[in-house]
C-alpha atoms as a PDB file:
ATOM      1  CA  MET A   1       0.000   0.000   0.000  1.00  0.00           C
ATOM      2  CA  GLN A   2       0.873   3.656  -0.066  1.00  0.00           C
ATOM      3  CA  ASP A   3       2.986   5.338   2.608  1.00  0.00           C
ATOM      4  CA  HIS A   4       0.478   6.639   5.159  1.00  0.00           C
ATOM      5  CA  ASP A   5       1.969  10.140   5.381  1.00  0.00           C
ATOM      6  CA  ALA A   6       1.880  10.458   1.584  1.00  0.00           C
ATOM      7  CA  PHE A   7      -1.717   9.205   1.630  1.00  0.00           C
ATOM      8  CA  LEU A   8      -2.729  11.804   4.232  1.00  0.00           C
ATOM      9  CA  ASP A   9      -0.919  14.598   2.371  1.00  0.00           C
ATOM     10  CA  ALA A  10      -2.805  13.631  -0.780  1.00  0.00           C
ATOM     11  CA  MET A  11      -6.122  13.584   1.059  1.00  0.00           C
ATOM     12  CA  ARG A  12      -5.494  17.032   2.614  1.00  0.00           C
ATOM     13  CA  SER A  13      -4.557  18.704  -0.672  1.00  0.00           C
ATOM     14  CA  THR A  14      -7.062  21.126  -2.165  1.00  0.00           C
ATOM     15  CA  SER A  15      -5.239  21.478  -5.480  1.00  0.00           C
ATOM     16  CA  THR A  16      -7.153  21.426  -8.751  1.00  0.00           C
ATOM     17  CA  SER A  17      -4.660  18.707  -9.742  1.00  0.00           C
ATOM     18  CA  PRO A  18      -5.607  16.065  -7.170  1.00  0.00           C
ATOM     19  CA  HIS A  19      -3.223  13.344  -6.066  1.00  0.00           C
ATOM     20  CA  TYR A  20      -3.944   9.706  -6.674  1.00  0.00           C
ATOM     21  CA  VAL A  21      -4.279   7.470  -3.642  1.00  0.00           C
ATOM     22  CA  LYS A  22      -3.992   3.703  -3.548  1.00  0.00           C
ATOM     23  CA  ILE A  23      -6.826   2.041  -1.666  1.00  0.00           C
ATOM     24  CA  ARG A  24      -8.498  -1.285  -1.043  1.00  0.00           C
ATOM     25  CA  LEU A  25     -12.065  -0.670  -2.211  1.00  0.00           C
ATOM     26  CA  VAL A  26     -14.725  -2.894  -0.683  1.00  0.00           C
ATOM     27  CA  ASP A  27     -18.205  -3.112  -2.161  1.00  0.00           C
ATOM     28  CA  ALA A  28     -20.057  -4.131   0.995  1.00  0.00           C
ATOM     29  CA  ALA A  29     -23.248  -4.991  -0.884  1.00  0.00           C
ATOM     30  CA  LYS A  30     -21.479  -7.458  -3.185  1.00  0.00           C
ATOM     31  CA  GLY A  31     -18.854  -8.597  -0.698  1.00  0.00           C
ATOM     32  CA  SER A  32     -16.107  -7.910  -3.224  1.00  0.00           C
ATOM     33  CA  ALA A  33     -12.831  -6.029  -2.860  1.00  0.00           C
ATOM     34  CA  ARG A  34     -10.118  -4.729  -5.156  1.00  0.00           C
ATOM     35  CA  ASP A  35      -6.941  -2.697  -4.956  1.00  0.00           C
ATOM     36  CA  THR A  36      -7.223   0.418  -7.062  1.00  0.00           C
ATOM     37  CA  CYS A  37      -6.080   4.011  -7.372  1.00  0.00           C
ATOM     38  CA  VAL A  38      -8.445   6.964  -7.396  1.00  0.00           C
ATOM     39  CA  THR A  39      -7.992  10.667  -7.056  1.00  0.00           C
ATOM     40  CA  ALA A  40      -8.168  11.907  -3.490  1.00  0.00           C
ATOM     41  CA  ASN A  41     -11.057  14.254  -4.236  1.00  0.00           C
ATOM     42  CA  LEU A  42     -13.219  11.383  -5.511  1.00  0.00           C
ATOM     43  CA  LEU A  43     -12.407   9.262  -2.472  1.00  0.00           C
ATOM     44  CA  ARG A  44     -13.304  12.133  -0.135  1.00  0.00           C
ATOM     45  CA  GLY A  45     -16.553  12.644  -2.043  1.00  0.00           C
ATOM     46  CA  ALA A  46     -17.409   8.946  -1.739  1.00  0.00           C
ATOM     47  CA  LEU A  47     -16.671   9.062   1.988  1.00  0.00           C
ATOM     48  CA  ASP A  48     -18.905  12.130   2.350  1.00  0.00           C
ATOM     49  CA  ILE A  49     -21.730  10.332   0.523  1.00  0.00           C
ATOM     50  CA  GLU A  50     -21.279   7.198   2.620  1.00  0.00           C
ATOM     51  CA  ALA A  51     -21.198   9.218   5.858  1.00  0.00           C
ATOM     52  CA  SER A  52     -24.527  10.815   5.020  1.00  0.00           C
ATOM     53  CA  SER A  53     -26.132   7.399   4.695  1.00  0.00           C
ATOM     54  CA  PRO A  54     -28.637   6.833   7.509  1.00  0.00           C
ATOM     55  CA  ASN A  55     -27.094   3.423   8.258  1.00  0.00           C
ATOM     56  CA  ASP A  56     -23.590   4.795   8.780  1.00  0.00           C
ATOM     57  CA  ARG A  57     -22.301   5.883  12.173  1.00  0.00           C
ATOM     58  CA  ALA A  58     -19.787   8.378  10.780  1.00  0.00           C
ATOM     59  CA  SER A  59     -20.452  12.031  10.127  1.00  0.00           C
ATOM     60  CA  GLY A  60     -18.674  14.417   7.793  1.00  0.00           C
ATOM     61  CA  ALA A  61     -16.587  15.657  10.734  1.00  0.00           C
ATOM     62  CA  ASP A  62     -15.314  12.115  11.345  1.00  0.00           C
ATOM     63  CA  ILE A  63     -13.815  11.614   7.888  1.00  0.00           C
ATOM     64  CA  ASP A  64     -10.435  13.142   8.743  1.00  0.00           C
ATOM     65  CA  THR A  65     -10.238  10.941  11.836  1.00  0.00           C
ATOM     66  CA  LEU A  66     -11.127   7.897   9.728  1.00  0.00           C
ATOM     67  CA  LEU A  67      -8.425   8.764   7.198  1.00  0.00           C
ATOM     68  CA  ALA A  68      -5.794   9.324   9.889  1.00  0.00           C
ATOM     69  CA  SER A  69      -6.526   6.054  11.661  1.00  0.00           C
ATOM     70  CA  ASN A  70      -6.977   3.843   8.589  1.00  0.00           C
ATOM     71  CA  HIS A  71      -3.398   2.748   7.905  1.00  0.00           C
ATOM     72  CA  ALA A  72      -4.592  -0.105   5.680  1.00  0.00           C
ATOM     73  CA  HIS A  73      -6.363   2.375   3.380  1.00  0.00           C
ATOM     74  CA  GLU A  74      -9.280  -0.037   3.104  1.00  0.00           C
ATOM     75  CA  PHE A  75     -12.685   1.553   2.606  1.00  0.00           C
ATOM     76  CA  ALA A  76     -16.008  -0.270   2.554  1.00  0.00           C
ATOM     77  CA  PHE A  77     -18.953   1.335   0.820  1.00  0.00           C
ATOM     78  CA  SER A  78     -22.552   0.180   0.863  1.00  0.00           C
ATOM     79  CA  HIS A  79     -24.222   3.280  -0.570  1.00  0.00           C
ATOM     80  CA  PRO A  80     -24.603   2.966  -4.378  1.00  0.00           C
ATOM     81  CA  ALA A  81     -23.971   6.694  -4.891  1.00  0.00           C
ATOM     82  CA  ALA A  82     -20.690   6.468  -2.972  1.00  0.00           C
ATOM     83  CA  LEU A  83     -19.537   3.589  -5.172  1.00  0.00           C
ATOM     84  CA  ALA A  84     -20.673   5.480  -8.269  1.00  0.00           C
ATOM     85  CA  ASN A  85     -18.346   8.305  -7.217  1.00  0.00           C
ATOM     86  CA  LEU A  86     -15.430   5.873  -7.735  1.00  0.00           C
ATOM     87  CA  PRO A  87     -16.369   4.433 -11.136  1.00  0.00           C
ATOM     88  CA  LYS A  88     -13.201   3.557 -13.086  1.00  0.00           C
ATOM     89  CA  HIS A  89     -10.935   0.729 -11.946  1.00  0.00           C
ATOM     90  CA  PRO A  90      -8.126  -1.093 -13.741  1.00  0.00           C
ATOM     91  CA  GLU A  91      -8.301  -4.828 -14.305  1.00  0.00           C
ATOM     92  CA  PRO A  92      -5.566  -6.980 -12.712  1.00  0.00           C
ATOM     93  CA  GLN A  93      -3.804  -7.433 -16.064  1.00  0.00           C
ATOM     94  CA  GLU A  94      -3.696  -3.641 -16.546  1.00  0.00           C
ATOM     95  CA  MET A  95      -2.208  -3.263 -13.056  1.00  0.00           C
ATOM     96  CA  ASP A  96       0.427  -5.904 -13.872  1.00  0.00           C
ATOM     97  CA  GLU A  97       1.303  -4.336 -17.216  1.00  0.00           C
ATOM     98  CA  ALA A  98       1.600  -0.858 -15.698  1.00  0.00           C
ATOM     99  CA  SER A  99       3.819  -2.192 -12.927  1.00  0.00           C
ATOM    100  CA  ARG A 100       6.049  -3.943 -15.454  1.00  0.00           C
ATOM    101  CA  LEU A 101       6.333  -0.794 -17.572  1.00  0.00           C
ATOM    102  CA  VAL A 102       7.092   1.508 -14.648  1.00  0.00           C
ATOM    103  CA  SER A 103       9.662  -0.878 -13.161  1.00  0.00           C
ATOM    104  CA  GLY A 104      11.502  -0.972 -16.495  1.00  0.00           C
ATOM    105  CA  ILE A 105      12.084   2.789 -16.624  1.00  0.00           C
ATOM    106  CA  ALA A 106      14.890   4.511 -14.730  1.00  0.00           C
ATOM    107  CA  GLY A 107      13.745   7.025 -12.122  1.00  0.00           C
ATOM    108  CA  PRO A 108      14.950  10.150 -13.927  1.00  0.00           C
ATOM    109  CA  ASP A 109      13.145   9.076 -17.117  1.00  0.00           C
ATOM    110  CA  ILE A 110       9.703   8.460 -15.553  1.00  0.00           C
ATOM    111  CA  ALA A 111       8.389  12.020 -15.963  1.00  0.00           C
ATOM    112  CA  GLN A 112       9.472  12.146 -19.607  1.00  0.00           C
ATOM    113  CA  SER A 113       7.872   8.772 -20.326  1.00  0.00           C
ATOM    114  CA  LEU A 114       4.609  10.011 -18.800  1.00  0.00           C
ATOM    115  CA  GLN A 115       4.643  12.940 -21.235  1.00  0.00           C
ATOM    116  CA  GLU A 116       5.613  11.252 -24.466  1.00  0.00           C
ATOM    117  CA  GLY A 117       7.041   7.780 -23.914  1.00  0.00           C
ATOM    118  CA  ASP A 118       5.874   4.255 -23.168  1.00  0.00           C
ATOM    119  CA  LEU A 119       3.872   5.318 -20.124  1.00  0.00           C
ATOM    120  CA  ALA A 120       1.957   7.946 -22.101  1.00  0.00           C
ATOM    121  CA  LEU A 121       1.271   5.386 -24.830  1.00  0.00           C
ATOM    122  CA  PHE A 122       0.038   2.826 -22.293  1.00  0.00           C
ATOM    123  CA  ALA A 123      -2.372   5.302 -20.692  1.00  0.00           C
ATOM    124  CA  GLY A 124      -3.695   6.536 -24.023  1.00  0.00           C
ATOM    125  CA  GLN A 125      -4.374   3.137 -25.626  1.00  0.00           C
ATOM    126  CA  GLY A 126      -7.915   2.008 -26.290  1.00  0.00           C
ATOM    127  CA  SER A 127     -11.174   2.890 -24.663  1.00  0.00           C
ATOM    128  CA  ARG A 128      -9.972   2.303 -21.088  1.00  0.00           C
ATOM    129  CA  ARG A 129      -7.851   5.443 -20.759  1.00  0.00           C
ATOM    130  CA  GLN A 130      -9.025   6.296 -17.223  1.00  0.00           C
ATOM    131  CA  GLU A 131      -8.567   2.751 -15.979  1.00  0.00           C
ATOM    132  CA  ARG A 132      -5.093   2.485 -17.497  1.00  0.00           C
ATOM    133  CA  THR A 133      -4.124   5.864 -16.037  1.00  0.00           C
ATOM    134  CA  ALA A 134      -5.244   4.609 -12.609  1.00  0.00           C
ATOM    135  CA  ALA A 135      -3.110   1.487 -13.105  1.00  0.00           C
ATOM    136  CA  LEU A 136      -0.097   3.698 -13.852  1.00  0.00           C
ATOM    137  CA  ALA A 137      -0.823   5.767 -10.747  1.00  0.00           C
ATOM    138  CA  CYS A 138      -0.795   2.585  -8.647  1.00  0.00           C
ATOM    139  CA  ALA A 139       2.501   1.471 -10.169  1.00  0.00           C
ATOM    140  CA  LEU A 140       4.041   4.882  -9.548  1.00  0.00           C
ATOM    141  CA  ILE A 141       2.827   4.939  -5.942  1.00  0.00           C
ATOM    142  CA  ALA A 142       4.399   1.511  -5.449  1.00  0.00           C
ATOM    143  CA  ARG A 143       7.738   3.045  -6.507  1.00  0.00           C
ATOM    144  CA  GLY A 144       7.350   5.915  -4.031  1.00  0.00           C
ATOM    145  CA  TYR A 145       6.136   8.609  -6.412  1.00  0.00           C
ATOM    146  CA  ARG A 146       3.249  10.979  -5.699  1.00  0.00           C
ATOM    147  CA  PRO A 147       1.240  11.125  -8.923  1.00  0.00           C
ATOM    148  CA  ARG A 148      -1.416  13.743  -9.584  1.00  0.00           C
ATOM    149  CA  GLN A 149      -4.089  14.123 -12.219  1.00  0.00           C
ATOM    150  CA  ALA A 150      -3.342  17.183 -14.358  1.00  0.00           C
ATOM    151  CA  ASP A 151      -6.298  19.527 -14.056  1.00  0.00           C
ATOM    152  CA  LEU A 152      -6.601  20.333 -17.764  1.00  0.00           C
ATOM    153  CA  THR A 153      -5.528  17.152 -19.543  1.00  0.00           C
ATOM    154  CA  GLY A 154      -6.279  14.403 -17.021  1.00  0.00           C
ATOM    155  CA  THR A 155      -2.817  12.940 -17.581  1.00  0.00           C
ATOM    156  CA  ILE A 156      -0.495  11.986 -14.760  1.00  0.00           C
ATOM    157  CA  ILE A 157       2.011  14.493 -13.476  1.00  0.00           C
ATOM    158  CA  LEU A 158       4.457  13.953 -10.623  1.00  0.00           C
ATOM    159  CA  ASP A 159       5.231  16.118  -7.628  1.00  0.00           C
ATOM    160  CA  THR A 160       8.716  17.515  -7.910  1.00  0.00           C
END
């Protein structure tokens, strides 16, 4: 999973270029779970929606406490609208391919590859652009990077 301090920094940011966070997403209604990466603003929105559910004990004021104490970054959602706020998830093979690609690129060359190299090509291929971008974000987080979603293009940029 993601370093907890990096996760909290991402969740506290109010930038128009939100950070990606790596989470374990649990669909409580289906009993299914998956590792995925989403932008911090969408996760916070889903948590807000879930907290407003009449069956949930949390309130909006408790979300920061939940985030700070949840070192596993596992979030269970039962409210359909909360899950709908987190709609695009990579398939396991996309996660594996992104990890393989990222691990094969030297650290100094990652940012360039995201702009116009193999990583940009991977994210832009086919109809699953958002899912593949999320897979890249997960792979980058695994290597210790702090990826963001560019506010105008939706591509990944890295904190410098």
